[in-house]
């Protein structure tokens, strides 16, 4: 079992920044990659960014150049730095423990955090 706890969401004005954190505990040796997903009202959940244990990353096109995923293996924590936030970034953000395949493809896993709300509004 893997437990994931997110933090760092909140209300921010357009153009602002937030940093999300996801702390993992439990059977973390089984985790080969971590991902951040988001789900906006009335929309399907989408993968925002993923990172391997070795630091290889991927991003969905809409956040490239604005968001940065990183990890601190010593703290078993993954971060999502979000800059230049837009109203369309408003969503509940979820951390996921998953896998990696191919050169740059994230595989969704069964373990999810509870979600953290990010609202971008003036």
Protein backbone atom coordinates (compact mmCIF):
# COMPACT_ATOMS: atom_id res chain seq x y z
CA UNK A 1 0.00 0.00 0.00
CA UNK A 2 1.05 3.53 -0.79
CA UNK A 3 -0.34 6.63 0.87
CA UNK A 4 -0.20 10.00 -0.88
CA UNK A 5 -0.94 13.32 0.80
CA UNK A 6 -1.14 16.52 -1.24
CA UNK A 7 -0.84 20.08 -0.02
CA UNK A 8 -0.34 23.56 -1.40
CA UNK A 9 -3.53 24.39 -3.26
CA UNK A 10 -5.42 27.63 -2.88
CA UNK A 11 -6.76 30.74 -4.54
CA UNK A 12 -4.41 32.76 -6.72
CA UNK A 13 -4.81 35.58 -9.21
CA UNK A 14 -4.10 35.05 -12.90
CA UNK A 15 -0.37 35.23 -13.52
CA UNK A 16 0.40 34.05 -10.01
CA UNK A 17 2.20 30.97 -8.76
CA UNK A 18 1.55 28.01 -6.50
CA UNK A 19 3.59 24.99 -5.50
CA UNK A 20 1.87 21.68 -4.83
CA UNK A 21 3.49 18.95 -2.76
CA UNK A 22 2.76 15.24 -2.61
CA UNK A 23 4.28 13.22 0.21
CA UNK A 24 4.41 9.45 -0.27
CA UNK A 25 4.59 6.82 2.44
CA UNK A 26 4.13 3.07 2.75
CA UNK A 27 5.48 0.71 0.09
CA UNK A 28 7.26 3.45 -1.80
CA UNK A 29 9.85 1.03 -3.19
CA UNK A 30 7.12 -0.12 -5.59
CA UNK A 31 6.79 3.34 -7.15
CA UNK A 32 8.63 3.88 -10.43
CA UNK A 33 7.02 7.15 -11.41
CA UNK A 34 4.75 9.85 -10.02
CA UNK A 35 2.22 12.00 -11.75
CA UNK A 36 0.00 15.00 -11.23
CA UNK A 37 -3.50 14.95 -12.65
CA UNK A 38 -6.24 17.54 -12.57
CA UNK A 39 -9.99 17.53 -12.99
CA UNK A 40 -11.99 20.64 -13.69
CA UNK A 41 -15.77 20.77 -13.18
CA UNK A 42 -17.57 18.95 -15.96
CA UNK A 43 -14.34 17.69 -17.52
CA UNK A 44 -12.45 14.44 -17.50
CA UNK A 45 -9.38 14.02 -15.37
CA UNK A 46 -6.21 14.69 -17.33
CA UNK A 47 -2.52 14.02 -16.79
CA UNK A 48 -0.66 17.27 -16.20
CA UNK A 49 2.90 16.07 -15.59
CA UNK A 50 4.86 12.96 -14.72
CA UNK A 51 8.33 12.16 -13.42
CA UNK A 52 10.37 8.99 -13.08
CA UNK A 53 12.52 8.05 -10.10
CA UNK A 54 15.48 9.12 -12.21
CA UNK A 55 14.04 12.52 -13.01
CA UNK A 56 12.74 12.10 -16.57
CA UNK A 57 9.71 14.33 -17.00
CA UNK A 58 6.76 14.87 -19.28
CA UNK A 59 4.09 17.57 -19.49
CA UNK A 60 0.81 18.05 -21.21
CA UNK A 61 1.07 20.72 -23.89
CA UNK A 62 -1.09 23.29 -22.12
CA UNK A 63 1.33 23.60 -19.17
CA UNK A 64 4.70 23.33 -20.92
CA UNK A 65 6.91 26.24 -20.01
CA UNK A 66 4.72 27.18 -17.04
CA UNK A 67 4.69 24.12 -14.77
CA UNK A 68 7.66 22.18 -13.43
CA UNK A 69 7.49 18.77 -11.80
CA UNK A 70 10.31 17.71 -9.50
CA UNK A 71 10.99 15.23 -6.75
CA UNK A 72 13.03 14.93 -3.59
CA UNK A 73 13.73 11.23 -3.19
CA UNK A 74 15.14 11.70 0.30
CA UNK A 75 11.82 13.17 1.41
CA UNK A 76 9.66 10.89 -0.77
CA UNK A 77 7.97 14.02 -2.05
CA UNK A 78 6.99 15.21 -5.51
CA UNK A 79 6.34 18.85 -6.30
CA UNK A 80 4.47 20.74 -8.98
CA UNK A 81 5.60 24.32 -9.37
CA UNK A 82 2.92 26.23 -11.25
CA UNK A 83 3.76 29.64 -12.66
CA UNK A 84 1.85 32.05 -14.90
CA UNK A 85 -1.39 30.48 -13.79
CA UNK A 86 -4.49 30.95 -15.91
CA UNK A 87 -8.18 30.66 -15.05
CA UNK A 88 -8.30 27.48 -17.14
CA UNK A 89 -5.85 25.88 -14.70
CA UNK A 90 -8.61 25.90 -12.09
CA UNK A 91 -9.21 22.29 -11.02
CA UNK A 92 -8.73 19.75 -8.30
CA UNK A 93 -5.19 18.46 -8.57
CA UNK A 94 -4.39 14.87 -7.68
CA UNK A 95 -1.13 13.08 -7.09
CA UNK A 96 -0.76 9.55 -8.47
CA UNK A 97 1.77 6.77 -7.99
CA UNK A 98 2.22 4.99 -11.27
CA UNK A 99 4.68 3.68 -13.80
CA UNK A 100 6.57 4.59 -16.93
CA UNK A 101 6.79 2.95 -20.31
CA UNK A 102 8.56 3.72 -23.51
CA UNK A 103 10.72 6.82 -23.66
CA UNK A 104 8.20 9.25 -22.26
CA UNK A 105 4.83 7.80 -21.33
CA UNK A 106 3.25 7.79 -17.89
CA UNK A 107 1.16 4.86 -16.76
CA UNK A 108 -1.56 5.67 -14.24
CA UNK A 109 -1.40 3.66 -11.02
CA UNK A 110 -3.94 2.66 -8.41
CA UNK A 111 -2.82 5.01 -5.65
CA UNK A 112 -4.21 8.52 -5.44
CA UNK A 113 -4.02 11.41 -3.06
CA UNK A 114 -7.12 13.12 -1.73
CA UNK A 115 -6.81 16.07 -4.11
CA UNK A 116 -6.14 19.74 -3.56
CA UNK A 117 -8.17 22.59 -5.03
CA UNK A 118 -6.46 25.19 -7.19
CA UNK A 119 -8.54 28.21 -8.13
CA UNK A 120 -7.21 30.90 -10.44
CA UNK A 121 -9.41 33.96 -10.35
CA UNK A 122 -9.25 37.70 -9.99
